[in-house]
PDB file of N, CA and C in Angstrom:
ATOM      1  N   SER A   1     121.275 124.389  84.555  1.00  0.00           N
ATOM      2  CA  SER A   1     122.311 125.115  85.221  1.00  0.00           C
ATOM      3  C   SER A   1     123.477 125.345  84.192  1.00  0.00           C
ATOM      4  N   GLU A   2     124.337 126.281  84.453  1.00  0.00           N
ATOM      5  CA  GLU A   2     125.377 126.512  83.543  1.00  0.00           C
ATOM      6  C   GLU A   2     126.402 125.369  83.499  1.00  0.00           C
ATOM      7  N   ALA A   3     126.628 124.681  84.506  1.00  0.00           N
ATOM      8  CA  ALA A   3     127.641 123.596  84.515  1.00  0.00           C
ATOM      9  C   ALA A   3     127.002 122.445  83.689  1.00  0.00           C
ATOM     10  N   THR A   4     125.735 122.199  83.816  1.00  0.00           N
ATOM     11  CA  THR A   4     125.019 121.213  83.011  1.00  0.00           C
ATOM     12  C   THR A   4     125.216 121.490  81.535  1.00  0.00           C
ATOM     13  N   ASP A   5     124.865 122.789  81.164  1.00  0.00           N
ATOM     14  CA  ASP A   5     124.948 123.196  79.797  1.00  0.00           C
ATOM     15  C   ASP A   5     126.365 123.004  79.209  1.00  0.00           C
ATOM     16  N   GLU A   6     127.444 123.282  80.060  1.00  0.00           N
ATOM     17  CA  GLU A   6     128.769 123.131  79.683  1.00  0.00           C
ATOM     18  C   GLU A   6     129.215 121.714  79.416  1.00  0.00           C
ATOM     19  N   GLY A   7     128.737 120.797  80.337  1.00  0.00           N
ATOM     20  CA  GLY A   7     129.024 119.426  80.198  1.00  0.00           C
ATOM     21  C   GLY A   7     128.389 118.854  78.964  1.00  0.00           C
ATOM     22  N   GLU A   8     127.141 119.241  78.711  1.00  0.00           N
ATOM     23  CA  GLU A   8     126.415 118.703  77.544  1.00  0.00           C
ATOM     24  C   GLU A   8     127.082 119.185  76.298  1.00  0.00           C
ATOM     25  N   ALA A   9     127.290 120.529  76.286  1.00  0.00           N
ATOM     26  CA  ALA A   9     127.972 121.150  75.115  1.00  0.00           C
ATOM     27  C   ALA A   9     129.325 120.546  74.759  1.00  0.00           C
ATOM     28  N   LEU A  10     130.114 120.379  75.829  1.00  0.00           N
ATOM     29  CA  LEU A  10     131.433 119.858  75.555  1.00  0.00           C
ATOM     30  C   LEU A  10     131.408 118.361  75.023  1.00  0.00           C
ATOM     31  N   VAL A  11     130.657 117.620  75.679  1.00  0.00           N
ATOM     32  CA  VAL A  11     130.515 116.120  75.168  1.00  0.00           C
ATOM     33  C   VAL A  11     129.966 116.016  73.787  1.00  0.00           C
ATOM     34  N   SER A  12     128.881 116.858  73.571  1.00  0.00           N
ATOM     35  CA  SER A  12     128.266 116.813  72.243  1.00  0.00           C
ATOM     36  C   SER A  12     129.262 117.349  71.118  1.00  0.00           C
ATOM     37  N   ALA A  13     130.050 118.417  71.439  1.00  0.00           N
ATOM     38  CA  ALA A  13     131.058 118.844  70.577  1.00  0.00           C
ATOM     39  C   ALA A  13     132.092 117.753  70.171  1.00  0.00           C
ATOM     40  N   VAL A  14     132.531 117.094  71.205  1.00  0.00           N
ATOM     41  CA  VAL A  14     133.575 116.141  71.086  1.00  0.00           C
ATOM     42  C   VAL A  14     132.972 114.908  70.065  1.00  0.00           C
ATOM     43  N   LEU A  15     131.756 114.552  70.494  1.00  0.00           N
ATOM     44  CA  LEU A  15     131.165 113.436  69.748  1.00  0.00           C
ATOM     45  C   LEU A  15     131.036 113.798  68.220  1.00  0.00           C
ATOM     46  N   GLU A  16     130.722 115.077  67.927  1.00  0.00           N
ATOM     47  CA  GLU A  16     130.480 115.486  66.560  1.00  0.00           C
ATOM     48  C   GLU A  16     131.824 115.572  65.873  1.00  0.00           C
ATOM     49  N   VAL A  17     132.862 116.080  66.511  1.00  0.00           N
ATOM     50  CA  VAL A  17     134.187 116.188  65.741  1.00  0.00           C
ATOM     51  C   VAL A  17     134.755 114.814  65.593  1.00  0.00           C
ATOM     52  N   LEU A  18     134.476 113.843  66.426  1.00  0.00           N
ATOM     53  CA  LEU A  18     135.028 112.513  66.249  1.00  0.00           C
ATOM     54  C   LEU A  18     134.100 111.618  65.428  1.00  0.00           C
ATOM     55  N   LYS A  19     132.884 112.188  65.150  1.00  0.00           N
ATOM     56  CA  LYS A  19     131.939 111.486  64.365  1.00  0.00           C
ATOM     57  C   LYS A  19     131.504 110.159  65.083  1.00  0.00           C
ATOM     58  N   TRP A  20     131.381 110.227  66.447  1.00  0.00           N
ATOM     59  CA  TRP A  20     131.014 108.983  67.184  1.00  0.00           C
ATOM     60  C   TRP A  20     129.511 109.226  67.591  1.00  0.00           C
ATOM     61  N   GLN A  21     128.740 108.133  67.467  1.00  0.00           N
ATOM     62  CA  GLN A  21     127.348 108.189  67.877  1.00  0.00           C
ATOM     63  C   GLN A  21     127.066 108.093  69.328  1.00  0.00           C
ATOM     64  N   LYS A  22     127.877 107.180  69.950  1.00  0.00           N
ATOM     65  CA  LYS A  22     127.733 106.877  71.421  1.00  0.00           C
ATOM     66  C   LYS A  22     128.952 106.673  72.051  1.00  0.00           C
ATOM     67  N   VAL A  23     129.072 107.028  73.357  1.00  0.00           N
ATOM     68  CA  VAL A  23     130.313 106.636  74.107  1.00  0.00           C
ATOM     69  C   VAL A  23     129.976 106.241  75.561  1.00  0.00           C
ATOM     70  N   VAL A  24     131.039 105.714  76.213  1.00  0.00           N
ATOM     71  CA  VAL A  24     130.936 105.520  77.591  1.00  0.00           C
ATOM     72  C   VAL A  24     131.855 106.558  78.234  1.00  0.00           C
ATOM     73  N   LEU A  25     131.275 107.374  79.074  1.00  0.00           N
ATOM     74  CA  LEU A  25     132.115 108.536  79.612  1.00  0.00           C
ATOM     75  C   LEU A  25     132.778 108.000  80.884  1.00  0.00           C
ATOM     76  N   VAL A  26     133.926 108.390  81.121  1.00  0.00           N
ATOM     77  CA  VAL A  26     134.708 108.119  82.360  1.00  0.00           C
ATOM     78  C   VAL A  26     134.956 109.506  83.054  1.00  0.00           C
ATOM     79  N   GLY A  27     134.409 109.516  84.275  1.00  0.00           N
ATOM     80  CA  GLY A  27     134.640 110.839  84.962  1.00  0.00           C
ATOM     81  C   GLY A  27     135.606 110.441  86.200  1.00  0.00           C
ATOM     82  N   CYS A  28     136.739 111.147  86.271  1.00  0.00           N
ATOM     83  CA  CYS A  28     137.698 110.904  87.356  1.00  0.00           C
ATOM     84  C   CYS A  28     137.882 112.120  88.170  1.00  0.00           C
ATOM     85  N   ASP A  29     137.707 111.985  89.458  1.00  0.00           N
ATOM     86  CA  ASP A  29     137.748 113.087  90.402  1.00  0.00           C
ATOM     87  C   ASP A  29     136.660 114.046  90.114  1.00  0.00           C
ATOM     88  N   LYS A  30     137.116 115.392  89.957  1.00  0.00           N
ATOM     89  CA  LYS A  30     136.122 116.477  89.816  1.00  0.00           C
ATOM     90  C   LYS A  30     135.457 116.392  88.426  1.00  0.00           C
ATOM     91  N   GLU A  31     136.154 115.790  87.393  1.00  0.00           N
ATOM     92  CA  GLU A  31     135.405 115.652  86.119  1.00  0.00           C
ATOM     93  C   GLU A  31     134.305 114.756  86.164  1.00  0.00           C
ATOM     94  N   SER A  32     134.065 114.111  87.169  1.00  0.00           N
ATOM     95  CA  SER A  32     132.886 113.184  87.283  1.00  0.00           C
ATOM     96  C   SER A  32     131.526 113.987  87.158  1.00  0.00           C
ATOM     97  N   ILE A  33     131.600 115.184  87.697  1.00  0.00           N
ATOM     98  CA  ILE A  33     130.427 116.080  87.604  1.00  0.00           C
ATOM     99  C   ILE A  33     130.132 116.399  86.141  1.00  0.00           C
ATOM    100  N   LEU A  34     131.106 116.683  85.286  1.00  0.00           N
ATOM    101  CA  LEU A  34     130.887 116.923  83.924  1.00  0.00           C
ATOM    102  C   LEU A  34     130.248 115.723  83.206  1.00  0.00           C
ATOM    103  N   ALA A  35     130.786 114.511  83.582  1.00  0.00           N
ATOM    104  CA  ALA A  35     130.272 113.308  82.948  1.00  0.00           C
ATOM    105  C   ALA A  35     128.774 113.075  83.346  1.00  0.00           C
ATOM    106  N   ILE A  36     128.505 113.300  84.546  1.00  0.00           N
ATOM    107  CA  ILE A  36     127.082 112.982  85.076  1.00  0.00           C
ATOM    108  C   ILE A  36     126.164 114.156  84.480  1.00  0.00           C
ATOM    109  N   ASP A  37     126.584 115.360  84.364  1.00  0.00           N
ATOM    110  CA  ASP A  37     125.754 116.413  83.794  1.00  0.00           C
ATOM    111  C   ASP A  37     125.425 116.042  82.366  1.00  0.00           C
ATOM    112  N   ALA A  38     126.404 115.641  81.614  1.00  0.00           N
ATOM    113  CA  ALA A  38     126.263 115.320  80.185  1.00  0.00           C
ATOM    114  C   ALA A  38     125.358 114.115  80.134  1.00  0.00           C
ATOM    115  N   ALA A  39     125.465 113.130  80.974  1.00  0.00           N
ATOM    116  CA  ALA A  39     124.554 111.931  80.924  1.00  0.00           C
ATOM    117  C   ALA A  39     123.217 112.281  81.288  1.00  0.00           C
ATOM    118  N   LEU A  40     122.969 113.174  82.150  1.00  0.00           N
ATOM    119  CA  LEU A  40     121.594 113.564  82.569  1.00  0.00           C
ATOM    120  C   LEU A  40     120.812 114.087  81.442  1.00  0.00           C
ATOM    121  N   ARG A  41     121.439 114.723  80.500  1.00  0.00           N
ATOM    122  CA  ARG A  41     120.816 115.239  79.217  1.00  0.00           C
ATOM    123  C   ARG A  41     120.964 114.406  78.070  1.00  0.00           C
ATOM    124  N   LEU A  42     121.989 113.679  77.880  1.00  0.00           N
ATOM    125  CA  LEU A  42     122.356 112.982  76.625  1.00  0.00           C
ATOM    126  C   LEU A  42     122.046 111.502  76.672  1.00  0.00           C
ATOM    127  N   ALA A  43     121.979 110.911  77.805  1.00  0.00           N
ATOM    128  CA  ALA A  43     121.680 109.442  77.847  1.00  0.00           C
ATOM    129  C   ALA A  43     120.234 109.103  77.634  1.00  0.00           C
ATOM    130  N   PRO A  44     119.868 108.108  76.900  1.00  0.00           N
ATOM    131  CA  PRO A  44     120.691 107.056  76.486  1.00  0.00           C
ATOM    132  C   PRO A  44     121.052 107.234  74.884  1.00  0.00           C
ATOM    133  N   ASP A  45     120.570 108.342  74.383  1.00  0.00           N
ATOM    134  CA  ASP A  45     120.808 108.532  72.979  1.00  0.00           C
ATOM    135  C   ASP A  45     122.381 108.651  72.560  1.00  0.00           C
ATOM    136  N   ARG A  46     123.130 109.348  73.334  1.00  0.00           N
ATOM    137  CA  ARG A  46     124.562 109.576  72.972  1.00  0.00           C
ATOM    138  C   ARG A  46     125.422 109.017  74.038  1.00  0.00           C
ATOM    139  N   ILE A  47     124.978 108.715  75.250  1.00  0.00           N
ATOM    140  CA  ILE A  47     125.815 108.207  76.322  1.00  0.00           C
ATOM    141  C   ILE A  47     125.390 106.812  76.678  1.00  0.00           C
ATOM    142  N   ALA A  48     126.231 105.834  76.389  1.00  0.00           N
ATOM    143  CA  ALA A  48     125.893 104.416  76.555  1.00  0.00           C
ATOM    144  C   ALA A  48     126.226 103.951  78.044  1.00  0.00           C
ATOM    145  N   GLY A  49     127.033 104.664  78.661  1.00  0.00           N
ATOM    146  CA  GLY A  49     127.389 104.234  80.108  1.00  0.00           C
ATOM    147  C   GLY A  49     128.242 105.338  80.732  1.00  0.00           C
ATOM    148  N   LEU A  50     128.382 105.170  82.046  1.00  0.00           N
ATOM    149  CA  LEU A  50     129.231 106.052  82.889  1.00  0.00           C
ATOM    150  C   LEU A  50     130.144 105.162  83.704  1.00  0.00           C
ATOM    151  N   VAL A  51     131.366 105.604  83.886  1.00  0.00           N
ATOM    152  CA  VAL A  51     132.345 105.015  84.844  1.00  0.00           C
ATOM    153  C   VAL A  51     132.909 106.175  85.760  1.00  0.00           C
ATOM    154  N   PHE A  52     132.813 106.097  86.994  1.00  0.00           N
ATOM    155  CA  PHE A  52     133.366 107.109  87.885  1.00  0.00           C
ATOM    156  C   PHE A  52     134.498 106.397  88.649  1.00  0.00           C
ATOM    157  N   CYS A  53     135.605 107.234  88.795  1.00  0.00           N
ATOM    158  CA  CYS A  53     136.740 106.572  89.634  1.00  0.00           C
ATOM    159  C   CYS A  53     137.457 107.803  90.352  1.00  0.00           C
ATOM    160  N   GLY A  54     138.345 107.463  91.208  1.00  0.00           N
ATOM    161  CA  GLY A  54     139.208 108.381  91.927  1.00  0.00           C
ATOM    162  C   GLY A  54     138.501 108.927  93.119  1.00  0.00           C
ATOM    163  N   ASP A  55     138.788 110.153  93.424  1.00  0.00           N
ATOM    164  CA  ASP A  55     138.275 110.860  94.555  1.00  0.00           C
ATOM    165  C   ASP A  55     136.879 111.419  94.148  1.00  0.00           C
ATOM    166  N   LEU A  56     135.833 110.853  94.746  1.00  0.00           N
ATOM    167  CA  LEU A  56     134.492 111.140  94.220  1.00  0.00           C
ATOM    168  C   LEU A  56     133.765 112.022  95.268  1.00  0.00           C
ATOM    169  N   SER A  57     134.537 112.633  96.264  1.00  0.00           N
ATOM    170  CA  SER A  57     133.911 113.535  97.191  1.00  0.00           C
ATOM    171  C   SER A  57     133.202 114.657  96.578  1.00  0.00           C
ATOM    172  N   THR A  58     133.741 115.260  95.450  1.00  0.00           N
ATOM    173  CA  THR A  58     133.061 116.324  94.767  1.00  0.00           C
ATOM    174  C   THR A  58     131.825 115.819  94.158  1.00  0.00           C
ATOM    175  N   LEU A  59     131.824 114.659  93.570  1.00  0.00           N
ATOM    176  CA  LEU A  59     130.465 114.031  92.958  1.00  0.00           C
ATOM    177  C   LEU A  59     129.466 113.927  94.050  1.00  0.00           C
ATOM    178  N   ASP A  60     129.934 113.421  95.318  1.00  0.00           N
ATOM    179  CA  ASP A  60     129.067 113.161  96.339  1.00  0.00           C
ATOM    180  C   ASP A  60     128.366 114.507  96.866  1.00  0.00           C
ATOM    181  N   GLU A  61     129.242 115.620  96.870  1.00  0.00           N
ATOM    182  CA  GLU A  61     128.520 116.804  97.327  1.00  0.00           C
ATOM    183  C   GLU A  61     127.620 117.343  96.179  1.00  0.00           C
ATOM    184  N   TYR A  62     127.942 117.137  94.984  1.00  0.00           N
ATOM    185  CA  TYR A  62     127.101 117.570  93.840  1.00  0.00           C
ATOM    186  C   TYR A  62     125.821 116.796  93.814  1.00  0.00           C
ATOM    187  N   VAL A  63     125.850 115.564  94.055  1.00  0.00           N
ATOM    188  CA  VAL A  63     124.592 114.738  94.163  1.00  0.00           C
ATOM    189  C   VAL A  63     123.710 115.201  95.288  1.00  0.00           C
ATOM    190  N   LYS A  64     124.422 115.614  96.445  1.00  0.00           N
ATOM    191  CA  LYS A  64     123.587 116.022  97.642  1.00  0.00           C
ATOM    192  C   LYS A  64     122.879 117.379  97.275  1.00  0.00           C
ATOM    193  N   ARG A  65     123.562 118.242  96.555  1.00  0.00           N
ATOM    194  CA  ARG A  65     122.981 119.554  96.035  1.00  0.00           C
ATOM    195  C   ARG A  65     121.781 119.188  95.079  1.00  0.00           C
ATOM    196  N   ARG A  66     121.917 118.288  94.173  1.00  0.00           N
ATOM    197  CA  ARG A  66     120.890 117.902  93.176  1.00  0.00           C
ATOM    198  C   ARG A  66     119.652 117.358  93.977  1.00  0.00           C
ATOM    199  N   ILE A  67     119.916 116.609  94.983  1.00  0.00           N
ATOM    200  CA  ILE A  67     118.749 116.106  95.797  1.00  0.00           C
ATOM    201  C   ILE A  67     118.088 117.146  96.521  1.00  0.00           C
ATOM    202  N   VAL A  68     118.813 118.117  97.113  1.00  0.00           N
ATOM    203  CA  VAL A  68     118.235 119.301  97.764  1.00  0.00           C
ATOM    204  C   VAL A  68     117.286 120.053  96.655  1.00  0.00           C
ATOM    205  N   GLU A  69     117.805 120.167  95.427  1.00  0.00           N
ATOM    206  CA  GLU A  69     117.082 120.917  94.411  1.00  0.00           C
ATOM    207  C   GLU A  69     115.692 120.085  94.099  1.00  0.00           C
ATOM    208  N   LEU A  70     115.898 118.786  94.069  1.00  0.00           N
ATOM    209  CA  LEU A  70     114.699 117.964  93.724  1.00  0.00           C
ATOM    210  C   LEU A  70     113.713 118.118  94.955  1.00  0.00           C
ATOM    211  N   GLN A  71     114.194 118.130  96.158  1.00  0.00           N
ATOM    212  CA  GLN A  71     113.191 118.206  97.283  1.00  0.00           C
ATOM    213  C   GLN A  71     112.480 119.592  97.337  1.00  0.00           C
ATOM    214  N   GLU A  72     113.283 120.612  96.946  1.00  0.00           N
ATOM    215  CA  GLU A  72     112.647 121.989  96.863  1.00  0.00           C
ATOM    216  C   GLU A  72     111.753 122.021  95.753  1.00  0.00           C
ATOM    217  N   GLY A  73     111.851 121.293  94.666  1.00  0.00           N
ATOM    218  CA  GLY A  73     110.945 121.267  93.549  1.00  0.00           C
ATOM    219  C   GLY A  73     109.656 120.354  93.672  1.00  0.00           C
ATOM    220  N   CYS A  74     109.710 119.607  94.762  1.00  0.00           N
ATOM    221  CA  CYS A  74     108.528 118.742  94.902  1.00  0.00           C
ATOM    222  C   CYS A  74     107.339 119.505  95.444  1.00  0.00           C
ATOM    223  N   PRO A  75     106.177 119.173  94.924  1.00  0.00           N
ATOM    224  CA  PRO A  75     104.925 119.812  95.436  1.00  0.00           C
ATOM    225  C   PRO A  75     104.787 119.417  96.918  1.00  0.00           C
ATOM    226  N   ASP A  76     104.170 120.296  97.643  1.00  0.00           N
ATOM    227  CA  ASP A  76     103.987 120.095  99.136  1.00  0.00           C
ATOM    228  C   ASP A  76     103.282 118.751  99.441  1.00  0.00           C
ATOM    229  N   ASP A  77     102.333 118.334  98.562  1.00  0.00           N
ATOM    230  CA  ASP A  77     101.545 117.099  98.785  1.00  0.00           C
ATOM    231  C   ASP A  77     102.269 115.862  98.437  1.00  0.00           C
ATOM    232  N   VAL A  78     103.552 115.945  97.999  1.00  0.00           N
ATOM    233  CA  VAL A  78     104.361 114.744  97.508  1.00  0.00           C
ATOM    234  C   VAL A  78     105.287 114.406  98.642  1.00  0.00           C
ATOM    235  N   ASP A  79     105.256 113.217  99.150  1.00  0.00           N
ATOM    236  CA  ASP A  79     106.262 112.712 100.112  1.00  0.00           C
ATOM    237  C   ASP A  79     107.565 112.430  99.399  1.00  0.00           C
ATOM    238  N   ASN A  80     108.569 113.288  99.891  1.00  0.00           N
ATOM    239  CA  ASN A  80     109.947 113.128  99.286  1.00  0.00           C
ATOM    240  C   ASN A  80     110.888 112.585 100.310  1.00  0.00           C
ATOM    241  N   ALA A  81     110.363 111.708 101.302  1.00  0.00           N
ATOM    242  CA  ALA A  81     111.267 111.133 102.307  1.00  0.00           C
ATOM    243  C   ALA A  81     112.353 110.254 101.729  1.00  0.00           C
ATOM    244  N   ASP A  82     112.081 109.597 100.535  1.00  0.00           N
ATOM    245  CA  ASP A  82     113.037 108.739  99.898  1.00  0.00           C
ATOM    246  C   ASP A  82     114.331 109.519  99.502  1.00  0.00           C
ATOM    247  N   LEU A  83     114.091 110.870  99.186  1.00  0.00           N
ATOM    248  CA  LEU A  83     115.242 111.625  98.703  1.00  0.00           C
ATOM    249  C   LEU A  83     116.158 111.949  99.923  1.00  0.00           C
ATOM    250  N   ASP A  84     115.738 111.936 101.100  1.00  0.00           N
ATOM    251  CA  ASP A  84     116.586 112.075 102.263  1.00  0.00           C
ATOM    252  C   ASP A  84     117.622 111.112 102.369  1.00  0.00           C
ATOM    253  N   GLU A  85     117.264 109.836 102.004  1.00  0.00           N
ATOM    254  CA  GLU A  85     118.142 108.683 102.281  1.00  0.00           C
ATOM    255  C   GLU A  85     119.010 108.407 100.896  1.00  0.00           C
ATOM    256  N   MET A  86     118.777 109.030  99.846  1.00  0.00           N
ATOM    257  CA  MET A  86     119.402 108.745  98.622  1.00  0.00           C
ATOM    258  C   MET A  86     120.912 109.017  98.655  1.00  0.00           C
ATOM    259  N   ASP A  87     121.670 108.066  98.054  1.00  0.00           N
ATOM    260  CA  ASP A  87     123.123 108.224  97.908  1.00  0.00           C
ATOM    261  C   ASP A  87     123.423 108.234  96.496  1.00  0.00           C
ATOM    262  N   ILE A  88     124.714 108.312  96.045  1.00  0.00           N
ATOM    263  CA  ILE A  88     125.135 108.422  94.652  1.00  0.00           C
ATOM    264  C   ILE A  88     124.639 107.313  93.834  1.00  0.00           C
ATOM    265  N   ASP A  89     124.741 106.012  94.235  1.00  0.00           N
ATOM    266  CA  ASP A  89     124.171 104.890  93.534  1.00  0.00           C
ATOM    267  C   ASP A  89     122.672 104.944  93.283  1.00  0.00           C
ATOM    268  N   GLU A  90     121.925 105.454  94.275  1.00  0.00           N
ATOM    269  CA  GLU A  90     120.449 105.502  94.085  1.00  0.00           C
ATOM    270  C   GLU A  90     120.181 106.679  93.144  1.00  0.00           C
ATOM    271  N   PHE A  91     120.895 107.856  93.262  1.00  0.00           N
ATOM    272  CA  PHE A  91     120.658 108.998  92.429  1.00  0.00           C
ATOM    273  C   PHE A  91     120.903 108.507  90.999  1.00  0.00           C
ATOM    274  N   LEU A  92     122.035 107.902  90.662  1.00  0.00           N
ATOM    275  CA  LEU A  92     122.452 107.485  89.266  1.00  0.00           C
ATOM    276  C   LEU A  92     121.320 106.573  88.794  1.00  0.00           C
ATOM    277  N   HIS A  93     120.852 105.541  89.611  1.00  0.00           N
ATOM    278  CA  HIS A  93     119.948 104.595  89.193  1.00  0.00           C
ATOM    279  C   HIS A  93     118.568 105.273  88.841  1.00  0.00           C
ATOM    280  N   SER A  94     118.259 106.317  89.579  1.00  0.00           N
ATOM    281  CA  SER A  94     116.907 106.859  89.486  1.00  0.00           C
ATOM    282  C   SER A  94     116.925 107.933  88.428  1.00  0.00           C
ATOM    283  N   TYR A  95     117.958 108.661  88.084  1.00  0.00           N
ATOM    284  CA  TYR A  95     117.937 109.764  87.190  1.00  0.00           C
ATOM    285  C   TYR A  95     118.838 109.744  85.969  1.00  0.00           C
ATOM    286  N   VAL A  96     119.745 108.831  85.878  1.00  0.00           N
ATOM    287  CA  VAL A  96     120.576 108.686  84.724  1.00  0.00           C
ATOM    288  C   VAL A  96     120.173 107.430  83.937  1.00  0.00           C
ATOM    289  N   ASP A  97     119.889 107.654  82.688  1.00  0.00           N
ATOM    290  CA  ASP A  97     119.270 106.635  81.838  1.00  0.00           C
ATOM    291  C   ASP A  97     120.360 105.844  81.068  1.00  0.00           C
ATOM    292  N   CYS A  98     121.305 105.298  81.730  1.00  0.00           N
ATOM    293  CA  CYS A  98     122.338 104.483  81.200  1.00  0.00           C
ATOM    294  C   CYS A  98     123.067 103.697  82.299  1.00  0.00           C
ATOM    295  N   PRO A  99     123.694 102.640  82.050  1.00  0.00           N
ATOM    296  CA  PRO A  99     124.355 101.835  83.025  1.00  0.00           C
ATOM    297  C   PRO A  99     125.581 102.611  83.679  1.00  0.00           C
ATOM    298  N   CYS A 100     125.875 102.471  84.971  1.00  0.00           N
ATOM    299  CA  CYS A 100     126.873 103.219  85.611  1.00  0.00           C
ATOM    300  C   CYS A 100     127.795 102.252  86.416  1.00  0.00           C
ATOM    301  N   SER A 101     129.045 102.558  86.608  1.00  0.00           N
ATOM    302  CA  SER A 101     129.910 101.813  87.510  1.00  0.00           C
ATOM    303  C   SER A 101     130.626 102.909  88.249  1.00  0.00           C
ATOM    304  N   ILE A 102     130.794 102.608  89.595  1.00  0.00           N
ATOM    305  CA  ILE A 102     131.598 103.517  90.503  1.00  0.00           C
ATOM    306  C   ILE A 102     132.735 102.714  91.044  1.00  0.00           C
ATOM    307  N   ILE A 103     133.924 103.145  90.748  1.00  0.00           N
ATOM    308  CA  ILE A 103     135.123 102.620  91.288  1.00  0.00           C
ATOM    309  C   ILE A 103     135.661 103.535  92.309  1.00  0.00           C
ATOM    310  N   TRP A 104     135.681 103.277  93.677  1.00  0.00           N
ATOM    311  CA  TRP A 104     136.011 104.226  94.692  1.00  0.00           C
ATOM    312  C   TRP A 104     136.976 103.479  95.620  1.00  0.00           C
ATOM    313  N   ASP A 105     138.164 103.976  95.769  1.00  0.00           N
ATOM    314  CA  ASP A 105     139.128 103.388  96.653  1.00  0.00           C
ATOM    315  C   ASP A 105     139.310 101.856  96.492  1.00  0.00           C
ATOM    316  N   GLY A 106     139.294 101.463  95.126  1.00  0.00           N
ATOM    317  CA  GLY A 106     139.469 100.001  94.886  1.00  0.00           C
ATOM    318  C   GLY A 106     138.245  99.310  94.958  1.00  0.00           C
ATOM    319  N   ASP A 107     137.186  99.801  95.538  1.00  0.00           N
ATOM    320  CA  ASP A 107     135.984  99.060  95.653  1.00  0.00           C
ATOM    321  C   ASP A 107     135.025  99.384  94.419  1.00  0.00           C
ATOM    322  N   ILE A 108     134.292  98.429  94.011  1.00  0.00           N
ATOM    323  CA  ILE A 108     133.457  98.651  92.838  1.00  0.00           C
ATOM    324  C   ILE A 108     131.988  98.328  93.098  1.00  0.00           C
ATOM    325  N   SER A 109     131.187  99.330  92.750  1.00  0.00           N
ATOM    326  CA  SER A 109     129.770  99.136  92.861  1.00  0.00           C
ATOM    327  C   SER A 109     129.170  99.395  91.455  1.00  0.00           C
ATOM    328  N   THR A 110     128.416  98.335  91.002  1.00  0.00           N
ATOM    329  CA  THR A 110     127.887  98.468  89.624  1.00  0.00           C
ATOM    330  C   THR A 110     126.384  98.216  89.637  1.00  0.00           C
ATOM    331  N   TRP A 111     125.637  98.961  88.883  1.00  0.00           N
ATOM    332  CA  TRP A 111     124.346  98.688  88.691  1.00  0.00           C
ATOM    333  C   TRP A 111     123.965  98.890  87.213  1.00  0.00           C
ATOM    334  N   SER A 112     123.008  98.116  86.676  1.00  0.00           N
ATOM    335  CA  SER A 112     122.614  98.277  85.334  1.00  0.00           C
ATOM    336  C   SER A 112     121.276  97.509  85.133  1.00  0.00           C
ATOM    337  N   GLU A 113     120.315  98.114  84.633  1.00  0.00           N
ATOM    338  CA  GLU A 113     119.013  97.411  84.386  1.00  0.00           C
ATOM    339  C   GLU A 113     119.171  96.222  83.377  1.00  0.00           C
ATOM    340  N   SER A 114     120.079  96.424  82.485  1.00  0.00           N
ATOM    341  CA  SER A 114     120.316  95.287  81.523  1.00  0.00           C
ATOM    342  C   SER A 114     121.581  94.439  81.945  1.00  0.00           C
ATOM    343  N   SER A 115     122.272  94.867  82.867  1.00  0.00           N
ATOM    344  CA  SER A 115     123.521  94.147  83.356  1.00  0.00           C
ATOM    345  C   SER A 115     124.491  93.960  82.226  1.00  0.00           C
ATOM    346  N   THR A 116     124.718  95.089  81.537  1.00  0.00           N
ATOM    347  CA  THR A 116     125.684  95.033  80.418  1.00  0.00           C
ATOM    348  C   THR A 116     127.060  95.508  80.763  1.00  0.00           C
ATOM    349  N   LEU A 117     127.216  96.184  81.962  1.00  0.00           N
ATOM    350  CA  LEU A 117     128.542  96.643  82.295  1.00  0.00           C
ATOM    351  C   LEU A 117     129.059  95.822  83.374  1.00  0.00           C
TER     352      LEU A 117
END
């Protein structure tokens, strides 16, 4: 999608200019979509982790749209019932290849396969 291309291009350009190999992206409010789009394409090679904070209602809606896209792309003989129940945490854990932390209204939810964040 165009937004995904823009997120990836922007993060890649910043990394190149700063001559950084890897970063932890922080997405706050609506910018969380840019961070997740970049991570979907650049993690784990260039994105070491993600932190989301602030009003994540836009991210929640984005994840719901991505889940619908995944459901529409599933072959008819594949059971995609798990996608119906998926939330932001499960989406990140399933599709983003780096550790993530979500800070939402002072609450923190963290997951990581390597428990590094």
